[in-house]
Amino acid sequence: MAKNKLQTVNGDVPVESLGLMLPHEHLFVDLRGPQVAGYGEGEPEMVARLLLPALRAAEAAGVTALVECSTIGVGRNMRVLRHLAQLTSIHIIAPTGVYREAYIPAALRDMSAEALADLWVKELTEGIEDTGVRAGFIKIAMSDDGPTPLEERSLKAAARASRETGAVIASHTIGGRAARRELDVLETAGLDLGRFIWVHAHTEPDMAVQVEAARRGAWLEFDAIGAANWFPEQSRLVDFTVNLLDAGYGGQVLLSHDAGWYEPGQPEGRPPDGVRGYTALVDEFLPALRARGVDEGIVRQLTHDNPARAFSL
């Protein structure tokens, strides 16, 4: 019988070999958009020079796998990912998919949902571009007031690709209104919502809406851990997590930082606020959960079992 695995940049990894896993991080991001000259370009050695200290710290903190969420439209760069994967013991999972409407490259705008799904299935089963590296999940994104018609097409394509491959869909989604509409589109397209991750679920302040999404089967990802510069209410992330645990949905919670990264167009690739590392979960968030009475079995579920199950194939 085949065992569950992750499809990583360096090949298949059995989930039982993993420890702590970060389900939403970034190594290389280009937010200038695909229309900009030099979009998505960067020398792997320069990226490594900037990011290796953060990756080494993550290794020391026990991180064994990291999901790279920079998809097409925001700078997916397979040369960089392959180079970094050779330099760290952390398994890196690369995405297929496309970002929200404003970042969708011209070549993908006129494709049908069926043709887009075929492309994503190919990247999941055969490889990305000419690298032979298979994507490990589907990353899409909604506009803040979306989904727009073009983003609905992406949702339908993602649903089909997920049904054919088993790959999970992770979608950048701000607030409960967009999430509800998104879940409706995916359900109508025949997706088992257990294969959907509401990325940035912490942007919905109403915990009843979070519970509603979990009740429908979705994963909820709180991925602003350590990001006090753009989500200053860090204690709310603890509240959101404990609330879902108390409601019986601890098996559908994912925790991460949305941190990193090398950014083309910036001096030495350093983002304006600097490189934010990948250890606040271990250093700050888990101690806060323990202080709220969360036991070690649940901590392991949140940091080991849940992400491995969400991203396994």
C-alpha atoms as a PDB file:
ATOM      1  CA  MET A   1       0.000   0.000   0.000  1.00  0.00           C
ATOM      2  CA  ALA A   2       1.318   3.436  -0.951  1.00  0.00           C
ATOM      3  CA  LYS A   3       2.198   5.677   1.979  1.00  0.00           C
ATOM      4  CA  ASN A   4       1.379   9.359   2.247  1.00  0.00           C
ATOM      5  CA  LYS A   5       4.171  11.602   1.059  1.00  0.00           C
ATOM      6  CA  LEU A   6       5.128  15.190   0.472  1.00  0.00           C
ATOM      7  CA  GLN A   7       6.321  16.192  -2.987  1.00  0.00           C
ATOM      8  CA  THR A   8       9.334  18.379  -2.270  1.00  0.00           C
ATOM      9  CA  VAL A   9      11.930  20.113  -4.411  1.00  0.00           C
ATOM     10  CA  ASN A  10      14.319  17.229  -3.688  1.00  0.00           C
ATOM     11  CA  GLY A  11      11.736  14.514  -4.319  1.00  0.00           C
ATOM     12  CA  ASP A  12       9.179  12.528  -2.342  1.00  0.00           C
ATOM     13  CA  VAL A  13       9.405  12.480   1.450  1.00  0.00           C
ATOM     14  CA  PRO A  14       7.333  10.110   3.617  1.00  0.00           C
ATOM     15  CA  VAL A  15       5.233  12.096   6.067  1.00  0.00           C
ATOM     16  CA  GLU A  16       6.215   9.860   8.976  1.00  0.00           C
ATOM     17  CA  SER A  17       9.803  11.078   8.631  1.00  0.00           C
ATOM     18  CA  LEU A  18       8.839  14.699   9.317  1.00  0.00           C
ATOM     19  CA  GLY A  19       8.818  16.784  12.453  1.00  0.00           C
ATOM     20  CA  LEU A  20       7.708  20.373  12.808  1.00  0.00           C
ATOM     21  CA  MET A  21       6.470  21.809   9.503  1.00  0.00           C
ATOM     22  CA  LEU A  22       5.749  25.410   8.468  1.00  0.00           C
ATOM     23  CA  PRO A  23       2.796  25.528   6.036  1.00  0.00           C
ATOM     24  CA  HIS A  24       3.107  29.126   4.815  1.00  0.00           C
ATOM     25  CA  GLU A  25       6.467  30.828   4.308  1.00  0.00           C
ATOM     26  CA  HIS A  26       8.400  32.597   1.552  1.00  0.00           C
ATOM     27  CA  LEU A  27      11.947  32.373   0.264  1.00  0.00           C
ATOM     28  CA  PHE A  28      11.738  34.504  -2.882  1.00  0.00           C
ATOM     29  CA  VAL A  29       8.980  37.040  -3.594  1.00  0.00           C
ATOM     30  CA  ASP A  30       8.564  39.594  -6.377  1.00  0.00           C
ATOM     31  CA  LEU A  31       5.571  41.815  -5.609  1.00  0.00           C
ATOM     32  CA  ARG A  32       6.284  44.156  -8.521  1.00  0.00           C
ATOM     33  CA  GLY A  33       4.101  42.016 -10.773  1.00  0.00           C
ATOM     34  CA  PRO A  34       4.873  39.983 -13.910  1.00  0.00           C
ATOM     35  CA  GLN A  35       4.729  43.014 -16.212  1.00  0.00           C
ATOM     36  CA  VAL A  36       7.912  44.536 -14.719  1.00  0.00           C
ATOM     37  CA  ALA A  37      11.223  44.061 -16.513  1.00  0.00           C
ATOM     38  CA  GLY A  38      13.343  41.561 -14.619  1.00  0.00           C
ATOM     39  CA  TYR A  39      10.328  40.131 -12.801  1.00  0.00           C
ATOM     40  CA  GLY A  40      11.101  37.016 -10.805  1.00  0.00           C
ATOM     41  CA  GLU A  41      14.824  37.080 -11.550  1.00  0.00           C
ATOM     42  CA  GLY A  42      17.501  36.561  -8.938  1.00  0.00           C
ATOM     43  CA  GLU A  43      20.837  34.859  -8.515  1.00  0.00           C
ATOM     44  CA  PRO A  44      20.496  31.784  -6.303  1.00  0.00           C
ATOM     45  CA  GLU A  45      23.801  32.484  -4.556  1.00  0.00           C
ATOM     46  CA  MET A  46      22.669  35.984  -3.542  1.00  0.00           C
ATOM     47  CA  VAL A  47      19.377  34.622  -2.227  1.00  0.00           C
ATOM     48  CA  ALA A  48      21.239  32.003  -0.200  1.00  0.00           C
ATOM     49  CA  ARG A  49      23.572  34.612   1.259  1.00  0.00           C
ATOM     50  CA  LEU A  50      20.573  36.540   2.593  1.00  0.00           C
ATOM     51  CA  LEU A  51      18.396  33.651   3.764  1.00  0.00           C
ATOM     52  CA  LEU A  52      20.746  30.968   5.058  1.00  0.00           C
ATOM     53  CA  PRO A  53      21.025  32.494   8.557  1.00  0.00           C
ATOM     54  CA  ALA A  54      17.227  32.344   8.897  1.00  0.00           C
ATOM     55  CA  LEU A  55      17.114  28.795   7.559  1.00  0.00           C
ATOM     56  CA  ARG A  56      19.886  27.676   9.907  1.00  0.00           C
ATOM     57  CA  ALA A  57      17.969  29.157  12.841  1.00  0.00           C
ATOM     58  CA  ALA A  58      14.851  27.311  11.708  1.00  0.00           C
ATOM     59  CA  GLU A  59      16.781  24.043  11.508  1.00  0.00           C
ATOM     60  CA  ALA A  60      18.014  24.585  15.066  1.00  0.00           C
ATOM     61  CA  ALA A  61      14.423  25.228  16.174  1.00  0.00           C
ATOM     62  CA  GLY A  62      13.368  21.835  14.802  1.00  0.00           C
ATOM     63  CA  VAL A  63      11.782  22.821  11.492  1.00  0.00           C
ATOM     64  CA  THR A  64      11.879  19.898   9.049  1.00  0.00           C
ATOM     65  CA  ALA A  65       9.732  21.184   6.167  1.00  0.00           C
ATOM     66  CA  LEU A  66       8.686  24.544   4.773  1.00  0.00           C
ATOM     67  CA  VAL A  67       5.960  25.343   2.260  1.00  0.00           C
ATOM     68  CA  GLU A  68       7.065  28.060  -0.204  1.00  0.00           C
ATOM     69  CA  CYS A  69       3.929  30.011  -1.135  1.00  0.00           C
ATOM     70  CA  SER A  70       5.303  32.342  -3.834  1.00  0.00           C
ATOM     71  CA  THR A  71       3.378  31.171  -6.856  1.00  0.00           C
ATOM     72  CA  ILE A  72       3.209  32.422 -10.450  1.00  0.00           C
ATOM     73  CA  GLY A  73       2.548  36.158 -10.404  1.00  0.00           C
ATOM     74  CA  VAL A  74       4.586  36.845  -7.279  1.00  0.00           C
ATOM     75  CA  GLY A  75       7.932  35.444  -8.328  1.00  0.00           C
ATOM     76  CA  ARG A  76       8.098  31.656  -8.307  1.00  0.00           C
ATOM     77  CA  ASN A  77      11.734  30.902  -9.112  1.00  0.00           C
ATOM     78  CA  MET A  78      12.670  27.249  -9.359  1.00  0.00           C
ATOM     79  CA  ARG A  79      16.411  27.908  -9.795  1.00  0.00           C
ATOM     80  CA  VAL A  80      16.411  29.590  -6.414  1.00  0.00           C
ATOM     81  CA  LEU A  81      14.350  26.888  -4.717  1.00  0.00           C
ATOM     82  CA  ARG A  82      16.521  24.089  -6.077  1.00  0.00           C
ATOM     83  CA  HIS A  83      19.681  25.857  -4.909  1.00  0.00           C
ATOM     84  CA  LEU A  84      18.338  26.477  -1.405  1.00  0.00           C
ATOM     85  CA  ALA A  85      17.093  22.900  -1.153  1.00  0.00           C
ATOM     86  CA  GLN A  86      20.688  21.725  -1.621  1.00  0.00           C
ATOM     87  CA  LEU A  87      21.922  23.908   1.228  1.00  0.00           C
ATOM     88  CA  THR A  88      19.424  23.138   3.993  1.00  0.00           C
ATOM     89  CA  SER A  89      18.081  20.013   5.660  1.00  0.00           C
ATOM     90  CA  ILE A  90      14.610  21.600   5.559  1.00  0.00           C
ATOM     91  CA  HIS A  91      12.381  20.062   2.894  1.00  0.00           C
ATOM     92  CA  ILE A  92      10.971  22.760   0.587  1.00  0.00           C
ATOM     93  CA  ILE A  93       7.556  22.329  -1.058  1.00  0.00           C
ATOM     94  CA  ALA A  94       6.985  24.353  -4.253  1.00  0.00           C
ATOM     95  CA  PRO A  95       3.606  25.542  -5.573  1.00  0.00           C
ATOM     96  CA  THR A  96       1.682  25.384  -8.773  1.00  0.00           C
ATOM     97  CA  GLY A  97      -1.209  27.830  -9.285  1.00  0.00           C
ATOM     98  CA  VAL A  98      -1.432  31.575  -9.817  1.00  0.00           C
ATOM     99  CA  TYR A  99      -1.893  34.687  -7.680  1.00  0.00           C
ATOM    100  CA  ARG A 100      -4.864  37.072  -7.617  1.00  0.00           C
ATOM    101  CA  GLU A 101      -6.182  38.873 -10.691  1.00  0.00           C
ATOM    102  CA  ALA A 102      -3.881  41.908 -10.655  1.00  0.00           C
ATOM    103  CA  TYR A 103      -0.846  39.567 -10.760  1.00  0.00           C
ATOM    104  CA  ILE A 104      -2.004  37.000 -13.324  1.00  0.00           C
ATOM    105  CA  PRO A 105       0.419  36.985 -16.292  1.00  0.00           C
ATOM    106  CA  ALA A 106      -0.998  37.784 -19.712  1.00  0.00           C
ATOM    107  CA  ALA A 107      -0.294  34.259 -20.963  1.00  0.00           C
ATOM    108  CA  LEU A 108      -2.690  32.784 -18.390  1.00  0.00           C
ATOM    109  CA  ARG A 109      -5.500  35.327 -18.556  1.00  0.00           C
ATOM    110  CA  ASP A 110      -7.320  33.913 -21.580  1.00  0.00           C
ATOM    111  CA  MET A 111      -6.961  30.247 -20.670  1.00  0.00           C
ATOM    112  CA  SER A 112     -10.082  28.265 -19.862  1.00  0.00           C
ATOM    113  CA  ALA A 113     -10.486  26.651 -16.462  1.00  0.00           C
ATOM    114  CA  GLU A 114      -9.937  23.280 -18.114  1.00  0.00           C
ATOM    115  CA  ALA A 115      -6.684  24.316 -19.795  1.00  0.00           C
ATOM    116  CA  LEU A 116      -5.425  25.918 -16.592  1.00  0.00           C
ATOM    117  CA  ALA A 117      -6.253  22.770 -14.641  1.00  0.00           C
ATOM    118  CA  ASP A 118      -4.350  20.698 -17.194  1.00  0.00           C
ATOM    119  CA  LEU A 119      -1.270  22.904 -16.689  1.00  0.00           C
ATOM    120  CA  TRP A 120      -1.455  22.560 -12.923  1.00  0.00           C
ATOM    121  CA  VAL A 121      -2.002  18.795 -13.076  1.00  0.00           C
ATOM    122  CA  LYS A 122       1.093  18.536 -15.265  1.00  0.00           C
ATOM    123  CA  GLU A 123       3.155  20.541 -12.767  1.00  0.00           C
ATOM    124  CA  LEU A 124       1.924  18.314  -9.941  1.00  0.00           C
ATOM    125  CA  THR A 125       2.468  14.995 -11.717  1.00  0.00           C
ATOM    126  CA  GLU A 126       5.320  15.583 -14.191  1.00  0.00           C
ATOM    127  CA  GLY A 127       7.206  18.692 -13.166  1.00  0.00           C
ATOM    128  CA  ILE A 128       7.432  22.478 -13.255  1.00  0.00           C
ATOM    129  CA  GLU A 129       8.788  24.044 -16.447  1.00  0.00           C
ATOM    130  CA  ASP A 130      11.816  21.962 -17.471  1.00  0.00           C
ATOM    131  CA  THR A 131      13.078  21.188 -13.965  1.00  0.00           C
ATOM    132  CA  GLY A 132      11.496  17.799 -13.322  1.00  0.00           C
ATOM    133  CA  VAL A 133      10.535  19.133  -9.872  1.00  0.00           C
ATOM    134  CA  ARG A 134       6.909  18.390  -9.106  1.00  0.00           C
ATOM    135  CA  ALA A 135       4.780  20.937  -7.306  1.00  0.00           C
ATOM    136  CA  GLY A 136       3.505  19.838  -3.916  1.00  0.00           C
ATOM    137  CA  PHE A 137       0.300  21.888  -3.698  1.00  0.00           C
ATOM    138  CA  ILE A 138      -1.876  24.464  -5.476  1.00  0.00           C
ATOM    139  CA  LYS A 139      -1.552  28.120  -4.417  1.00  0.00           C
ATOM    140  CA  ILE A 140      -4.111  30.697  -5.550  1.00  0.00           C
ATOM    141  CA  ALA A 141      -5.317  34.045  -4.252  1.00  0.00           C
ATOM    142  CA  MET A 142      -8.431  36.183  -4.089  1.00  0.00           C
ATOM    143  CA  SER A 143      -8.683  39.955  -4.356  1.00  0.00           C
ATOM    144  CA  ASP A 144      -9.793  41.485  -1.069  1.00  0.00           C
ATOM    145  CA  ASP A 145     -13.332  41.985  -2.427  1.00  0.00           C
ATOM    146  CA  GLY A 146     -13.182  38.853  -4.585  1.00  0.00           C
ATOM    147  CA  PRO A 147     -13.410  36.405  -6.016  1.00  0.00           C
ATOM    148  CA  THR A 148     -13.535  38.233  -9.332  1.00  0.00           C
ATOM    149  CA  PRO A 149     -14.767  36.331 -12.419  1.00  0.00           C
ATOM    150  CA  LEU A 150     -11.163  35.601 -13.398  1.00  0.00           C
ATOM    151  CA  GLU A 151     -10.433  34.365  -9.880  1.00  0.00           C
ATOM    152  CA  GLU A 152     -13.541  32.160 -10.015  1.00  0.00           C
ATOM    153  CA  ARG A 153     -11.988  30.570 -13.076  1.00  0.00           C
ATOM    154  CA  SER A 154      -8.840  29.924 -11.013  1.00  0.00           C
ATOM    155  CA  LEU A 155     -10.968  28.354  -8.273  1.00  0.00           C
ATOM    156  CA  LYS A 156     -12.664  26.023 -10.737  1.00  0.00           C
ATOM    157  CA  ALA A 157      -9.316  25.068 -12.263  1.00  0.00           C
ATOM    158  CA  ALA A 158      -7.849  24.455  -8.814  1.00  0.00           C
ATOM    159  CA  ALA A 159     -10.824  22.304  -7.814  1.00  0.00           C
ATOM    160  CA  ARG A 160     -10.397  20.120 -10.869  1.00  0.00           C
ATOM    161  CA  ALA A 161      -6.626  19.821 -10.433  1.00  0.00           C
ATOM    162  CA  SER A 162      -7.086  18.927  -6.771  1.00  0.00           C
ATOM    163  CA  ARG A 163      -9.705  16.292  -7.563  1.00  0.00           C
ATOM    164  CA  GLU A 164      -7.389  14.681 -10.124  1.00  0.00           C
ATOM    165  CA  THR A 165      -4.230  14.700  -7.989  1.00  0.00           C
ATOM    166  CA  GLY A 166      -5.282  14.950  -4.344  1.00  0.00           C
ATOM    167  CA  ALA A 167      -3.212  18.120  -3.927  1.00  0.00           C
ATOM    168  CA  VAL A 168      -4.429  20.622  -1.359  1.00  0.00           C
ATOM    169  CA  ILE A 169      -5.475  24.135  -2.452  1.00  0.00           C
ATOM    170  CA  ALA A 170      -4.151  27.023  -0.340  1.00  0.00           C
ATOM    171  CA  SER A 171      -5.767  30.381  -1.079  1.00  0.00           C
ATOM    172  CA  HIS A 172      -4.751  33.858   0.063  1.00  0.00           C
ATOM    173  CA  THR A 173      -8.136  35.129   1.257  1.00  0.00           C
ATOM    174  CA  ILE A 174      -8.758  38.259   3.298  1.00  0.00           C
ATOM    175  CA  GLY A 175     -11.831  38.178   5.526  1.00  0.00           C
ATOM    176  CA  GLY A 176     -14.856  35.972   5.931  1.00  0.00           C
ATOM    177  CA  ARG A 177     -16.955  37.479   3.150  1.00  0.00           C
ATOM    178  CA  ALA A 178     -14.492  36.453   0.444  1.00  0.00           C
ATOM    179  CA  ALA A 179     -13.916  33.082   2.148  1.00  0.00           C
ATOM    180  CA  ARG A 180     -17.630  32.241   2.175  1.00  0.00           C
ATOM    181  CA  ARG A 181     -17.978  33.030  -1.531  1.00  0.00           C
ATOM    182  CA  GLU A 182     -14.850  31.042  -2.270  1.00  0.00           C
ATOM    183  CA  LEU A 183     -16.071  27.993  -0.367  1.00  0.00           C
ATOM    184  CA  ASP A 184     -19.371  28.147  -2.261  1.00  0.00           C
ATOM    185  CA  VAL A 185     -17.592  28.171  -5.638  1.00  0.00           C
ATOM    186  CA  LEU A 186     -15.356  25.277  -4.660  1.00  0.00           C
ATOM    187  CA  GLU A 187     -18.213  23.174  -3.309  1.00  0.00           C
ATOM    188  CA  THR A 188     -20.207  23.757  -6.476  1.00  0.00           C
ATOM    189  CA  ALA A 189     -17.131  22.654  -8.439  1.00  0.00           C
ATOM    190  CA  GLY A 190     -17.144  19.369  -6.543  1.00  0.00           C
ATOM    191  CA  LEU A 191     -14.219  19.914  -4.192  1.00  0.00           C
ATOM    192  CA  ASP A 192     -14.040  18.173  -0.840  1.00  0.00           C
ATOM    193  CA  LEU A 193     -13.402  21.217   1.371  1.00  0.00           C
ATOM    194  CA  GLY A 194     -11.033  19.103   3.442  1.00  0.00           C
ATOM    195  CA  ARG A 195      -8.590  19.796   0.600  1.00  0.00           C
ATOM    196  CA  PHE A 196      -8.840  23.577   0.989  1.00  0.00           C
ATOM    197  CA  ILE A 197      -6.798  25.900   3.217  1.00  0.00           C
ATOM    198  CA  TRP A 198      -8.139  29.356   4.069  1.00  0.00           C
ATOM    199  CA  VAL A 199      -4.847  31.244   4.129  1.00  0.00           C
ATOM    200  CA  HIS A 200      -4.856  34.339   6.402  1.00  0.00           C
ATOM    201  CA  ALA A 201      -7.974  33.208   8.277  1.00  0.00           C
ATOM    202  CA  HIS A 202      -6.890  35.511  11.114  1.00  0.00           C
ATOM    203  CA  THR A 203      -7.981  38.481   8.968  1.00  0.00           C
ATOM    204  CA  GLU A 204     -11.578  37.584   9.899  1.00  0.00           C
ATOM    205  CA  PRO A 205     -12.043  38.875  13.463  1.00  0.00           C
ATOM    206  CA  ASP A 206     -15.358  37.085  14.074  1.00  0.00           C
ATOM    207  CA  MET A 207     -14.479  33.708  15.538  1.00  0.00           C
ATOM    208  CA  ALA A 208     -17.975  32.420  14.720  1.00  0.00           C
ATOM    209  CA  VAL A 209     -17.141  32.839  11.022  1.00  0.00           C
ATOM    210  CA  GLN A 210     -13.905  30.906  11.524  1.00  0.00           C
ATOM    211  CA  VAL A 211     -15.819  28.094  13.204  1.00  0.00           C
ATOM    212  CA  GLU A 212     -18.366  28.127  10.369  1.00  0.00           C
ATOM    213  CA  ALA A 213     -15.595  27.556   7.805  1.00  0.00           C
ATOM    214  CA  ALA A 214     -14.137  24.745   9.908  1.00  0.00           C
ATOM    215  CA  ARG A 215     -17.588  23.175  10.225  1.00  0.00           C
ATOM    216  CA  ARG A 216     -17.799  23.124   6.434  1.00  0.00           C
ATOM    217  CA  GLY A 217     -14.537  21.160   6.390  1.00  0.00           C
ATOM    218  CA  ALA A 218     -11.894  23.762   5.508  1.00  0.00           C
ATOM    219  CA  TRP A 219      -8.467  24.126   7.048  1.00  0.00           C
ATOM    220  CA  LEU A 220      -7.916  27.473   8.804  1.00  0.00           C
ATOM    221  CA  GLU A 221      -4.422  28.892   8.672  1.00  0.00           C
ATOM    222  CA  PHE A 222      -3.240  31.549  11.135  1.00  0.00           C
ATOM    223  CA  ASP A 223      -0.009  32.629   9.494  1.00  0.00           C
ATOM    224  CA  ALA A 224       0.934  36.009  10.957  1.00  0.00           C
ATOM    225  CA  ILE A 225       2.927  34.602  13.861  1.00  0.00           C
ATOM    226  CA  GLY A 226       5.755  37.000  14.676  1.00  0.00           C
ATOM    227  CA  ALA A 227       4.427  39.584  12.198  1.00  0.00           C
ATOM    228  CA  ALA A 228       3.675  42.304  14.730  1.00  0.00           C
ATOM    229  CA  ASN A 229       4.449  44.982  12.148  1.00  0.00           C
ATOM    230  CA  TRP A 230       1.310  44.100  10.138  1.00  0.00           C
ATOM    231  CA  PHE A 231      -0.722  42.059  12.642  1.00  0.00           C
ATOM    232  CA  PRO A 232       0.053  43.723  15.964  1.00  0.00           C
ATOM    233  CA  GLU A 233      -2.592  41.816  17.946  1.00  0.00           C
ATOM    234  CA  GLN A 234      -0.478  38.684  18.307  1.00  0.00           C
ATOM    235  CA  SER A 235      -2.487  37.550  21.333  1.00  0.00           C
ATOM    236  CA  ARG A 236      -5.539  37.274  19.063  1.00  0.00           C
ATOM    237  CA  LEU A 237      -3.811  34.508  17.137  1.00  0.00           C
ATOM    238  CA  VAL A 238      -3.653  32.556  20.373  1.00  0.00           C
ATOM    239  CA  ASP A 239      -7.331  33.324  21.038  1.00  0.00           C
ATOM    240  CA  PHE A 240      -8.327  32.141  17.555  1.00  0.00           C
ATOM    241  CA  THR A 241      -6.383  28.907  17.937  1.00  0.00           C
ATOM    242  CA  VAL A 242      -7.724  28.100  21.396  1.00  0.00           C
ATOM    243  CA  ASN A 243     -11.279  28.861  20.264  1.00  0.00           C
ATOM    244  CA  LEU A 244     -11.059  26.326  17.432  1.00  0.00           C
ATOM    245  CA  LEU A 245      -9.509  23.788  19.774  1.00  0.00           C
ATOM    246  CA  ASP A 246     -12.359  24.293  22.239  1.00  0.00           C
ATOM    247  CA  ALA A 247     -14.910  23.980  19.415  1.00  0.00           C
ATOM    248  CA  GLY A 248     -13.470  20.606  18.430  1.00  0.00           C
ATOM    249  CA  TYR A 249     -11.663  21.681  15.259  1.00  0.00           C
ATOM    250  CA  GLY A 250      -8.052  21.371  16.371  1.00  0.00           C
ATOM    251  CA  GLY A 251      -7.472  18.909  13.534  1.00  0.00           C
ATOM    252  CA  GLN A 252      -8.087  21.688  10.996  1.00  0.00           C
ATOM    253  CA  VAL A 253      -5.724  24.404  12.289  1.00  0.00           C
ATOM    254  CA  LEU A 254      -2.437  25.372  10.630  1.00  0.00           C
ATOM    255  CA  LEU A 255       0.144  27.779  12.085  1.00  0.00           C
ATOM    256  CA  SER A 256       2.899  29.691  10.305  1.00  0.00           C
ATOM    257  CA  HIS A 257       4.723  33.017   9.938  1.00  0.00           C
ATOM    258  CA  ASP A 258       4.314  34.173   6.311  1.00  0.00           C
ATOM    259  CA  ALA A 259       7.939  35.208   6.751  1.00  0.00           C
ATOM    260  CA  GLY A 260      11.155  35.618   4.759  1.00  0.00           C
ATOM    261  CA  TRP A 261      12.291  36.664   2.057  1.00  0.00           C
ATOM    262  CA  TYR A 262      14.566  37.754  -0.807  1.00  0.00           C
ATOM    263  CA  GLU A 263      12.895  40.510  -2.854  1.00  0.00           C
ATOM    264  CA  PRO A 264      14.185  41.474  -6.326  1.00  0.00           C
ATOM    265  CA  GLY A 265      14.365  45.213  -6.871  1.00  0.00           C
ATOM    266  CA  GLN A 266      15.506  45.882  -3.307  1.00  0.00           C
ATOM    267  CA  PRO A 267      19.154  46.528  -2.364  1.00  0.00           C
ATOM    268  CA  GLU A 268      20.803  43.106  -1.882  1.00  0.00           C
ATOM    269  CA  GLY A 269      17.291  41.647  -2.084  1.00  0.00           C
ATOM    270  CA  ARG A 270      16.522  42.698   1.472  1.00  0.00           C
ATOM    271  CA  PRO A 271      12.844  43.668   1.976  1.00  0.00           C
ATOM    272  CA  PRO A 272      12.206  47.143   3.440  1.00  0.00           C
ATOM    273  CA  ASP A 273      11.383  45.718   6.890  1.00  0.00           C
ATOM    274  CA  GLY A 274      14.252  43.235   6.783  1.00  0.00           C
ATOM    275  CA  VAL A 275      14.185  39.456   6.700  1.00  0.00           C
ATOM    276  CA  ARG A 276      11.749  38.111   9.268  1.00  0.00           C
ATOM    277  CA  GLY A 277      12.793  34.640  10.338  1.00  0.00           C
ATOM    278  CA  TYR A 278      10.979  31.366  10.865  1.00  0.00           C
ATOM    279  CA  THR A 279      11.275  30.740  14.629  1.00  0.00           C
ATOM    280  CA  ALA A 280       8.619  32.891  16.340  1.00  0.00           C
ATOM    281  CA  LEU A 281       6.242  29.911  16.347  1.00  0.00           C
ATOM    282  CA  VAL A 282       8.646  27.933  18.539  1.00  0.00           C
ATOM    283  CA  ASP A 283      10.077  30.837  20.509  1.00  0.00           C
ATOM    284  CA  GLU A 284       6.902  32.802  21.274  1.00  0.00           C
ATOM    285  CA  PHE A 285       3.637  31.287  20.062  1.00  0.00           C
ATOM    286  CA  LEU A 286       3.869  27.739  21.395  1.00  0.00           C
ATOM    287  CA  PRO A 287       4.865  28.942  24.890  1.00  0.00           C
ATOM    288  CA  ALA A 288       1.788  31.206  24.799  1.00  0.00           C
ATOM    289  CA  LEU A 289      -0.405  28.233  23.879  1.00  0.00           C
ATOM    290  CA  ARG A 290       1.072  26.156  26.679  1.00  0.00           C
ATOM    291  CA  ALA A 291       0.347  28.997  29.100  1.00  0.00           C
ATOM    292  CA  ARG A 292      -3.314  28.711  28.040  1.00  0.00           C
ATOM    293  CA  GLY A 293      -3.358  25.031  29.000  1.00  0.00           C
ATOM    294  CA  VAL A 294      -2.688  23.444  25.596  1.00  0.00           C
ATOM    295  CA  ASP A 295      -0.897  20.149  26.201  1.00  0.00           C
ATOM    296  CA  GLU A 296       2.030  18.692  24.288  1.00  0.00           C
ATOM    297  CA  GLY A 297      -0.126  16.252  22.351  1.00  0.00           C
ATOM    298  CA  ILE A 298      -2.150  19.112  20.884  1.00  0.00           C
ATOM    299  CA  VAL A 299       1.014  21.141  20.221  1.00  0.00           C
ATOM    300  CA  ARG A 300       2.345  18.214  18.215  1.00  0.00           C
ATOM    301  CA  GLN A 301      -0.929  17.925  16.350  1.00  0.00           C
ATOM    302  CA  LEU A 302      -0.817  21.605  15.379  1.00  0.00           C
ATOM    303  CA  THR A 303       2.831  21.688  14.337  1.00  0.00           C
ATOM    304  CA  HIS A 304       3.551  18.158  13.060  1.00  0.00           C
ATOM    305  CA  ASP A 305       0.445  16.147  12.263  1.00  0.00           C
ATOM    306  CA  ASN A 306      -1.863  18.787  10.791  1.00  0.00           C
ATOM    307  CA  PRO A 307       0.499  20.273   8.183  1.00  0.00           C
ATOM    308  CA  ALA A 308       1.761  16.847   7.173  1.00  0.00           C
ATOM    309  CA  ARG A 309      -1.820  15.655   6.669  1.00  0.00           C
ATOM    310  CA  ALA A 310      -2.878  18.831   4.843  1.00  0.00           C
ATOM    311  CA  PHE A 311      -0.027  18.697   2.304  1.00  0.00           C
ATOM    312  CA  SER A 312       0.340  14.948   1.932  1.00  0.00           C
ATOM    313  CA  LEU A 313      -0.511  13.132  -1.282  1.00  0.00           C
END
